[in-house]
Structures are given as structure tokens and as C-alpha cells.
Amino acid sequence: IIRQNKAPRNAIAPVKIEMEGLFDLDVDDDIWLDIGLGYDDDDEGDGSAPPLWLSNDDVRAGIHAMLDRDRCLEECKRLLDERSAMQEWFSEEWKVVTMAMQD
């Protein structure tokens, strides 16, 4: 499409992705590159501005903060479940000990 001049202005051809090892992706592999695709939300209207998650450090930091918050909430739930299990266990153990002391 680029060679035929049918691609958006400033379009960049993606790097060829090798099929061998395609499913052994690493975070730095070329398949994750999001450049030259044309972006709709930009001031110039030519589709050249990358999305905020890619270009804005504050947005990226916010995403990381949200992910951290989500992991913390998950951990709180696990801790509450663990506390409940420990309380039930201790209650049963206490009953056994008090019954043994009465006999």
C-alpha cells in the first residue's frame, strides 16, 4: 500500500515478523511496535500522533498505578480470606482444647 501511495501520509512499513518463534514473544519483539499505523486522535488530523498510553508519561504512570492498585485489592481479598480461615481453624482448636480440659 505504501509503494502504491495508497497508505496514509507518514505511514511507516512495519518490520517483517518472522514466523519462527512467533509464539515465544518477548516484550521487546517487533510485533509490539505500534508505529506508523495512523492515529485518529491528534491535533493535526493527519493520524500521526501516537495514543496517550504510548506517548504520555503521566498516562503510563497512571496505568501502572491502576495495575498496582488492582494487585493490592486482590491481595487484600486473599488476606481477608486467609484471616477468616485462620479464625475458623483457631476456633475449632480452642473448642478441642477446652473440651479436653473439661474431661
Protein backbone atom coordinates (compact mmCIF):
# COMPACT_ATOMS: atom_id res chain seq x y z
CA ILE A 1 0.00 0.00 0.00
CA ILE A 2 2.87 2.37 0.78
CA ARG A 3 4.53 1.69 -2.57
CA GLN A 4 1.23 2.36 -4.36
CA ASN A 5 0.81 5.66 -2.47
CA LYS A 6 -2.49 4.46 -1.01
CA ALA A 7 -1.31 4.47 2.61
CA PRO A 8 -1.91 7.40 4.98
CA ARG A 9 0.65 10.17 4.87
CA ASN A 10 3.70 9.45 7.08
CA ALA A 11 2.86 5.74 7.18
CA ILE A 12 5.79 3.51 8.07
CA ALA A 13 6.00 -0.07 6.88
CA PRO A 14 6.22 -2.47 9.82
CA VAL A 15 9.26 -4.64 10.34
CA LYS A 16 8.81 -8.13 8.92
CA ILE A 17 7.76 -10.57 11.62
CA GLU A 18 9.47 -13.93 11.44
CA MET A 19 7.08 -16.87 11.78
CA GLU A 20 9.68 -18.98 13.56
CA GLY A 21 9.32 -18.37 17.28
CA LEU A 22 6.21 -16.23 16.81
CA PHE A 23 4.62 -17.67 19.93
CA ASP A 24 7.77 -17.21 22.02
CA LEU A 25 7.22 -13.48 22.20
CA ASP A 26 9.29 -11.18 24.33
CA VAL A 27 8.24 -7.74 25.49
CA ASP A 28 10.78 -6.16 23.14
CA ASP A 29 9.81 -8.06 19.98
CA ASP A 30 8.91 -6.11 16.85
CA ILE A 31 5.33 -7.39 16.84
CA TRP A 32 4.53 -4.98 19.67
CA LEU A 33 5.66 -1.90 17.73
CA ASP A 34 2.75 0.44 17.28
CA ILE A 35 4.24 2.96 14.91
CA GLY A 36 3.16 4.13 11.51
CA LEU A 37 -0.34 2.75 11.83
CA GLY A 38 -2.03 6.12 11.66
CA TYR A 39 -3.76 7.54 14.71
CA ASP A 40 -7.10 9.30 14.66
CA ASP A 41 -6.89 11.37 17.84
CA ASP A 42 -4.32 14.03 17.10
CA ASP A 43 -4.37 17.80 16.83
CA GLU A 44 -3.19 17.92 13.24
CA GLY A 45 -5.81 15.48 11.99
CA ASP A 46 -3.31 13.54 9.92
CA GLY A 47 -3.24 10.45 12.12
CA SER A 48 0.38 10.90 13.11
CA ALA A 49 0.02 11.29 16.89
CA PRO A 50 0.53 8.11 18.91
CA PRO A 51 -2.02 7.13 21.57
CA LEU A 52 -1.52 8.59 25.04
CA TRP A 53 -0.72 5.21 26.60
CA LEU A 54 2.26 5.10 24.28
CA SER A 55 3.41 8.70 24.32
CA ASN A 56 2.37 10.33 27.61
CA ASP A 57 4.45 9.52 30.69
CA ASP A 58 1.65 10.60 33.04
CA VAL A 59 -0.82 8.24 31.37
CA ARG A 60 1.72 5.42 31.52
CA ALA A 61 2.37 6.13 35.20
CA GLY A 62 -1.39 6.18 35.79
CA ILE A 63 -1.77 2.80 34.12
CA HIS A 64 0.99 1.37 36.30
CA ALA A 65 -0.64 2.88 39.40
CA MET A 66 -4.01 1.37 38.49
CA LEU A 67 -2.44 -2.04 37.95
CA ASP A 68 -0.64 -1.78 41.30
CA ARG A 69 -3.91 -0.78 42.97
CA ASP A 70 -5.69 -3.74 41.40
CA ARG A 71 -2.99 -6.13 42.67
CA CYS A 72 -3.27 -4.59 46.16
CA LEU A 73 -7.03 -5.06 46.19
CA GLU A 74 -6.58 -8.67 45.11
CA GLU A 75 -4.03 -9.21 47.88
CA CYS A 76 -6.39 -7.65 50.46
CA LYS A 77 -9.09 -10.11 49.42
CA ARG A 78 -6.66 -13.02 49.75
CA LEU A 79 -5.55 -11.80 53.18
CA LEU A 80 -9.14 -11.46 54.39
CA ASP A 81 -9.86 -15.00 53.19
CA GLU A 82 -6.73 -16.25 54.95
CA ARG A 83 -7.69 -14.44 58.16
CA SER A 84 -11.14 -16.00 58.05
CA ALA A 85 -9.67 -19.46 57.56
CA MET A 86 -7.24 -18.94 60.45
CA GLN A 87 -10.05 -17.74 62.73
CA GLU A 88 -12.15 -20.79 61.90
CA TRP A 89 -9.17 -23.08 62.49
CA PHE A 90 -8.34 -21.43 65.81
CA SER A 91 -11.96 -21.59 66.92
CA GLU A 92 -12.03 -25.33 66.27
CA GLU A 93 -8.70 -25.82 68.04
CA TRP A 94 -9.94 -23.79 71.01
CA LYS A 95 -13.05 -25.94 71.27
CA VAL A 96 -10.95 -29.10 71.24
CA VAL A 97 -8.61 -27.76 73.93
CA THR A 98 -11.44 -26.58 76.20
CA MET A 99 -13.25 -29.91 75.81
CA ALA A 100 -10.04 -31.78 76.64
CA MET A 101 -9.52 -29.65 79.73
CA GLN A 102 -13.07 -30.37 80.95
CA ASP A 103 -12.60 -34.12 80.71
